[in-house]
PDB file of all heavy atoms in Angstrom:
ATOM      1  N   GLY A   1     123.847  90.155  45.165  1.00  0.00           N
ATOM      2  CA  GLY A   1     124.030  90.346  46.600  1.00  0.00           C
ATOM      3  C   GLY A   1     124.096  89.076  47.417  1.00  0.00           C
ATOM      4  O   GLY A   1     124.074  89.143  48.656  1.00  0.00           O
ATOM      5  N   GLY A   2     124.188  87.916  46.786  1.00  0.00           N
ATOM      6  CA  GLY A   2     124.278  86.684  47.539  1.00  0.00           C
ATOM      7  C   GLY A   2     125.505  86.612  48.424  1.00  0.00           C
ATOM      8  O   GLY A   2     125.515  85.896  49.430  1.00  0.00           O
ATOM      9  N   TRP A   3     126.543  87.366  48.058  1.00  0.00           N
ATOM     10  CA  TRP A   3     127.774  87.373  48.848  1.00  0.00           C
ATOM     11  C   TRP A   3     127.512  87.844  50.274  1.00  0.00           C
ATOM     12  O   TRP A   3     128.134  87.349  51.224  1.00  0.00           O
ATOM     13  CB  TRP A   3     128.825  88.275  48.195  1.00  0.00           C
ATOM     14  CG  TRP A   3     128.386  89.698  48.020  1.00  0.00           C
ATOM     15  CD1 TRP A   3     127.811  90.262  46.923  1.00  0.00           C
ATOM     16  CD2 TRP A   3     128.465  90.748  48.990  1.00  0.00           C
ATOM     17  NE1 TRP A   3     127.525  91.581  47.148  1.00  0.00           N
ATOM     18  CE2 TRP A   3     127.920  91.921  48.402  1.00  0.00           C
ATOM     19  CE3 TRP A   3     128.954  90.826  50.294  1.00  0.00           C
ATOM     20  CZ2 TRP A   3     127.842  93.139  49.079  1.00  0.00           C
ATOM     21  CZ3 TRP A   3     128.876  92.040  50.987  1.00  0.00           C
ATOM     22  CH2 TRP A   3     128.325  93.176  50.368  1.00  0.00           C
ATOM     23  N   LEU A   4     126.609  88.816  50.433  1.00  0.00           N
ATOM     24  CA  LEU A   4     126.354  89.382  51.753  1.00  0.00           C
ATOM     25  C   LEU A   4     125.746  88.336  52.684  1.00  0.00           C
ATOM     26  O   LEU A   4     126.239  88.117  53.802  1.00  0.00           O
ATOM     27  CB  LEU A   4     125.413  90.584  51.620  1.00  0.00           C
ATOM     28  CG  LEU A   4     125.055  91.326  52.909  1.00  0.00           C
ATOM     29  CD1 LEU A   4     126.305  91.866  53.576  1.00  0.00           C
ATOM     30  CD2 LEU A   4     124.086  92.458  52.609  1.00  0.00           C
ATOM     31  N   GLU A   5     124.709  87.682  52.216  1.00  0.00           N
ATOM     32  CA  GLU A   5     124.075  86.631  53.016  1.00  0.00           C
ATOM     33  C   GLU A   5     125.062  85.521  53.324  1.00  0.00           C
ATOM     34  O   GLU A   5     125.128  85.016  54.457  1.00  0.00           O
ATOM     35  CB  GLU A   5     122.871  86.078  52.258  1.00  0.00           C
ATOM     36  CG  GLU A   5     122.140  84.953  52.971  1.00  0.00           C
ATOM     37  CD  GLU A   5     121.235  85.438  54.089  1.00  0.00           C
ATOM     38  OE1 GLU A   5     120.852  86.628  54.065  1.00  0.00           O
ATOM     39  OE2 GLU A   5     120.920  84.637  54.982  1.00  0.00           O
ATOM     40  N   ALA A   6     125.875  85.143  52.336  1.00  0.00           N
ATOM     41  CA  ALA A   6     126.826  84.043  52.521  1.00  0.00           C
ATOM     42  C   ALA A   6     127.877  84.379  53.573  1.00  0.00           C
ATOM     43  O   ALA A   6     128.185  83.554  54.447  1.00  0.00           O
ATOM     44  CB  ALA A   6     127.501  83.716  51.191  1.00  0.00           C
ATOM     45  N   ILE A   7     128.445  85.583  53.510  1.00  0.00           N
ATOM     46  CA  ILE A   7     129.473  85.976  54.475  1.00  0.00           C
ATOM     47  C   ILE A   7     128.900  86.054  55.873  1.00  0.00           C
ATOM     48  O   ILE A   7     129.487  85.538  56.849  1.00  0.00           O
ATOM     49  CB  ILE A   7     130.104  87.322  54.083  1.00  0.00           C
ATOM     50  CG1 ILE A   7     130.861  87.202  52.762  1.00  0.00           C
ATOM     51  CG2 ILE A   7     131.066  87.804  55.181  1.00  0.00           C
ATOM     52  CD1 ILE A   7     131.351  88.529  52.218  1.00  0.00           C
ATOM     53  N   LEU A   8     127.744  86.698  56.009  1.00  0.00           N
ATOM     54  CA  LEU A   8     127.160  86.873  57.338  1.00  0.00           C
ATOM     55  C   LEU A   8     126.742  85.541  57.954  1.00  0.00           C
ATOM     56  O   LEU A   8     126.945  85.305  59.156  1.00  0.00           O
ATOM     57  CB  LEU A   8     125.972  87.828  57.260  1.00  0.00           C
ATOM     58  CG  LEU A   8     126.362  89.297  57.080  1.00  0.00           C
ATOM     59  CD1 LEU A   8     125.163  90.120  56.636  1.00  0.00           C
ATOM     60  CD2 LEU A   8     126.934  89.866  58.376  1.00  0.00           C
ATOM     61  N   GLN A   9     126.182  84.648  57.162  1.00  0.00           N
ATOM     62  CA  GLN A   9     125.792  83.350  57.693  1.00  0.00           C
ATOM     63  C   GLN A   9     127.022  82.543  58.109  1.00  0.00           C
ATOM     64  O   GLN A   9     126.988  81.807  59.100  1.00  0.00           O
ATOM     65  CB  GLN A   9     124.954  82.576  56.674  1.00  0.00           C
ATOM     66  CG  GLN A   9     123.567  83.143  56.457  1.00  0.00           C
ATOM     67  CD  GLN A   9     122.748  83.232  57.744  1.00  0.00           C
ATOM     68  OE1 GLN A   9     122.877  82.393  58.642  1.00  0.00           O
ATOM     69  NE2 GLN A   9     121.909  84.255  57.841  1.00  0.00           N
ATOM     70  N   ARG A  10     128.112  82.705  57.354  1.00  0.00           N
ATOM     71  CA  ARG A  10     129.349  82.013  57.753  1.00  0.00           C
ATOM     72  C   ARG A  10     129.873  82.589  59.063  1.00  0.00           C
ATOM     73  O   ARG A  10     130.384  81.852  59.920  1.00  0.00           O
ATOM     74  CB  ARG A  10     130.411  82.174  56.649  1.00  0.00           C
ATOM     75  CG  ARG A  10     131.706  81.412  56.953  1.00  0.00           C
ATOM     76  CD  ARG A  10     131.459  79.905  56.919  1.00  0.00           C
ATOM     77  NE  ARG A  10     132.594  79.148  57.416  1.00  0.00           N
ATOM     78  CZ  ARG A  10     132.756  78.767  58.669  1.00  0.00           C
ATOM     79  NH1 ARG A  10     131.842  79.067  59.572  1.00  0.00           N
ATOM     80  NH2 ARG A  10     133.795  78.058  59.043  1.00  0.00           N
ATOM     81  N   MET A  11     129.746  83.899  59.233  1.00  0.00           N
ATOM     82  CA  MET A  11     130.171  84.526  60.485  1.00  0.00           C
ATOM     83  C   MET A  11     129.313  84.043  61.654  1.00  0.00           C
ATOM     84  O   MET A  11     129.822  83.789  62.753  1.00  0.00           O
ATOM     85  CB  MET A  11     130.100  86.050  60.359  1.00  0.00           C
ATOM     86  CG  MET A  11     131.116  86.641  59.387  1.00  0.00           C
ATOM     87  SD  MET A  11     130.931  88.427  59.148  1.00  0.00           S
ATOM     88  CE  MET A  11     131.604  89.038  60.708  1.00  0.00           C
ATOM     89  N   VAL A  12     128.018  83.906  61.417  1.00  0.00           N
ATOM     90  CA  VAL A  12     127.120  83.429  62.465  1.00  0.00           C
ATOM     91  C   VAL A  12     127.488  82.005  62.888  1.00  0.00           C
ATOM     92  O   VAL A  12     127.582  81.697  64.084  1.00  0.00           O
ATOM     93  CB  VAL A  12     125.655  83.489  61.995  1.00  0.00           C
ATOM     94  CG1 VAL A  12     124.746  82.723  62.948  1.00  0.00           C
ATOM     95  CG2 VAL A  12     125.194  84.936  61.898  1.00  0.00           C
ATOM     96  N   SER A  13     127.718  81.133  61.926  1.00  0.00           N
ATOM     97  CA  SER A  13     128.064  79.752  62.253  1.00  0.00           C
ATOM     98  C   SER A  13     129.428  79.681  62.938  1.00  0.00           C
ATOM     99  O   SER A  13     129.631  78.864  63.841  1.00  0.00           O
ATOM    100  CB  SER A  13     128.056  78.883  60.989  1.00  0.00           C
ATOM    101  OG  SER A  13     129.033  79.324  60.056  1.00  0.00           O
ATOM    102  N   GLU A  14     130.358  80.546  62.534  1.00  0.00           N
ATOM    103  CA  GLU A  14     131.679  80.567  63.161  1.00  0.00           C
ATOM    104  C   GLU A  14     131.592  81.024  64.607  1.00  0.00           C
ATOM    105  O   GLU A  14     132.306  80.523  65.486  1.00  0.00           O
ATOM    106  CB  GLU A  14     132.617  81.488  62.377  1.00  0.00           C
ATOM    107  CG  GLU A  14     134.018  81.619  62.957  1.00  0.00           C
ATOM    108  CD  GLU A  14     134.776  80.300  62.981  1.00  0.00           C
ATOM    109  OE1 GLU A  14     134.687  79.552  61.996  1.00  0.00           O
ATOM    110  OE2 GLU A  14     135.461  80.034  64.000  1.00  0.00           O
ATOM    111  N   ALA A  15     130.711  81.990  64.865  1.00  0.00           N
ATOM    112  CA  ALA A  15     130.609  82.555  66.212  1.00  0.00           C
ATOM    113  C   ALA A  15     129.678  81.764  67.123  1.00  0.00           C
ATOM    114  O   ALA A  15     129.588  82.042  68.317  1.00  0.00           O
ATOM    115  CB  ALA A  15     130.124  84.001  66.125  1.00  0.00           C
ATOM    116  N   ALA A  16     128.977  80.774  66.577  1.00  0.00           N
ATOM    117  CA  ALA A  16     128.000  80.043  67.380  1.00  0.00           C
ATOM    118  C   ALA A  16     128.655  79.229  68.494  1.00  0.00           C
ATOM    119  O   ALA A  16     128.084  79.058  69.572  1.00  0.00           O
ATOM    120  CB  ALA A  16     127.172  79.121  66.478  1.00  0.00           C
ATOM    121  N   LEU A  17     129.854  78.717  68.243  1.00  0.00           N
ATOM    122  CA  LEU A  17     130.570  77.923  69.226  1.00  0.00           C
ATOM    123  C   LEU A  17     131.996  78.419  69.351  1.00  0.00           C
ATOM    124  O   LEU A  17     132.627  78.792  68.354  1.00  0.00           O
ATOM    125  CB  LEU A  17     130.584  76.443  68.825  1.00  0.00           C
ATOM    126  CG  LEU A  17     129.217  75.729  68.757  1.00  0.00           C
ATOM    127  CD1 LEU A  17     129.388  74.338  68.159  1.00  0.00           C
ATOM    128  CD2 LEU A  17     128.599  75.637  70.145  1.00  0.00           C
ATOM    129  N   GLU A  18     132.505  78.434  70.559  1.00  0.00           N
ATOM    130  CA  GLU A  18     133.884  78.873  70.778  1.00  0.00           C
ATOM    131  C   GLU A  18     134.840  77.777  70.335  1.00  0.00           C
ATOM    132  O   GLU A  18     134.784  76.646  70.823  1.00  0.00           O
ATOM    133  CB  GLU A  18     134.108  79.206  72.254  1.00  0.00           C
ATOM    134  CG  GLU A  18     135.450  79.864  72.526  1.00  0.00           C
ATOM    135  CD  GLU A  18     135.560  80.380  73.938  1.00  0.00           C
ATOM    136  OE1 GLU A  18     134.655  80.095  74.746  1.00  0.00           O
ATOM    137  OE2 GLU A  18     136.551  81.067  74.232  1.00  0.00           O
ATOM    138  N   ARG A  19     135.708  78.117  69.378  1.00  0.00           N
ATOM    139  CA  ARG A  19     136.640  77.138  68.836  1.00  0.00           C
ATOM    140  C   ARG A  19     138.018  77.766  68.672  1.00  0.00           C
ATOM    141  O   ARG A  19     138.141  79.000  68.598  1.00  0.00           O
ATOM    142  CB  ARG A  19     136.146  76.639  67.477  1.00  0.00           C
ATOM    143  CG  ARG A  19     134.838  75.882  67.525  1.00  0.00           C
ATOM    144  CD  ARG A  19     134.468  75.351  66.154  1.00  0.00           C
ATOM    145  NE  ARG A  19     134.117  76.428  65.226  1.00  0.00           N
ATOM    146  CZ  ARG A  19     133.835  76.219  63.952  1.00  0.00           C
ATOM    147  NH1 ARG A  19     133.913  75.002  63.439  1.00  0.00           N
ATOM    148  NH2 ARG A  19     133.497  77.226  63.172  1.00  0.00           N
ATOM    149  N   PRO A  20     139.085  76.962  68.584  1.00  0.00           N
ATOM    150  CA  PRO A  20     140.425  77.519  68.367  1.00  0.00           C
ATOM    151  C   PRO A  20     140.480  78.327  67.081  1.00  0.00           C
ATOM    152  O   PRO A  20     139.932  77.910  66.048  1.00  0.00           O
ATOM    153  CB  PRO A  20     141.313  76.265  68.277  1.00  0.00           C
ATOM    154  CG  PRO A  20     140.577  75.213  69.038  1.00  0.00           C
ATOM    155  CD  PRO A  20     139.114  75.492  68.784  1.00  0.00           C
ATOM    156  N   GLY A  21     141.122  79.479  67.126  1.00  0.00           N
ATOM    157  CA  GLY A  21     141.259  80.316  65.949  1.00  0.00           C
ATOM    158  C   GLY A  21     140.019  81.102  65.594  1.00  0.00           C
ATOM    159  O   GLY A  21     139.963  81.744  64.535  1.00  0.00           O
ATOM    160  N   GLN A  22     139.034  81.107  66.466  1.00  0.00           N
ATOM    161  CA  GLN A  22     137.768  81.776  66.164  1.00  0.00           C
ATOM    162  C   GLN A  22     137.960  83.268  65.923  1.00  0.00           C
ATOM    163  O   GLN A  22     137.403  83.841  64.988  1.00  0.00           O
ATOM    164  CB  GLN A  22     136.780  81.567  67.316  1.00  0.00           C
ATOM    165  CG  GLN A  22     135.424  82.206  67.085  1.00  0.00           C
ATOM    166  CD  GLN A  22     134.543  82.110  68.321  1.00  0.00           C
ATOM    167  OE1 GLN A  22     134.864  82.668  69.360  1.00  0.00           O
ATOM    168  NE2 GLN A  22     133.435  81.382  68.199  1.00  0.00           N
ATOM    169  N   GLY A  23     138.771  83.916  66.768  1.00  0.00           N
ATOM    170  CA  GLY A  23     138.983  85.356  66.635  1.00  0.00           C
ATOM    171  C   GLY A  23     139.585  85.723  65.290  1.00  0.00           C
ATOM    172  O   GLY A  23     139.168  86.689  64.643  1.00  0.00           O
ATOM    173  N   VAL A  24     140.561  84.931  64.842  1.00  0.00           N
ATOM    174  CA  VAL A  24     141.214  85.194  63.562  1.00  0.00           C
ATOM    175  C   VAL A  24     140.237  84.977  62.420  1.00  0.00           C
ATOM    176  O   VAL A  24     140.161  85.778  61.474  1.00  0.00           O
ATOM    177  CB  VAL A  24     142.449  84.287  63.387  1.00  0.00           C
ATOM    178  CG1 VAL A  24     143.046  84.463  61.993  1.00  0.00           C
ATOM    179  CG2 VAL A  24     143.501  84.618  64.442  1.00  0.00           C
ATOM    180  N   ALA A  25     139.467  83.902  62.494  1.00  0.00           N
ATOM    181  CA  ALA A  25     138.504  83.602  61.429  1.00  0.00           C
ATOM    182  C   ALA A  25     137.467  84.712  61.300  1.00  0.00           C
ATOM    183  O   ALA A  25     137.163  85.165  60.192  1.00  0.00           O
ATOM    184  CB  ALA A  25     137.820  82.262  61.706  1.00  0.00           C
TER     185      ALA A  25
END
């Protein structure tokens, strides 16, 4: 189940700051 933690943490870091292409990512 490490995939779940990895995906969600990547989503959290992606959403932490507004950046170009954020919505697509």
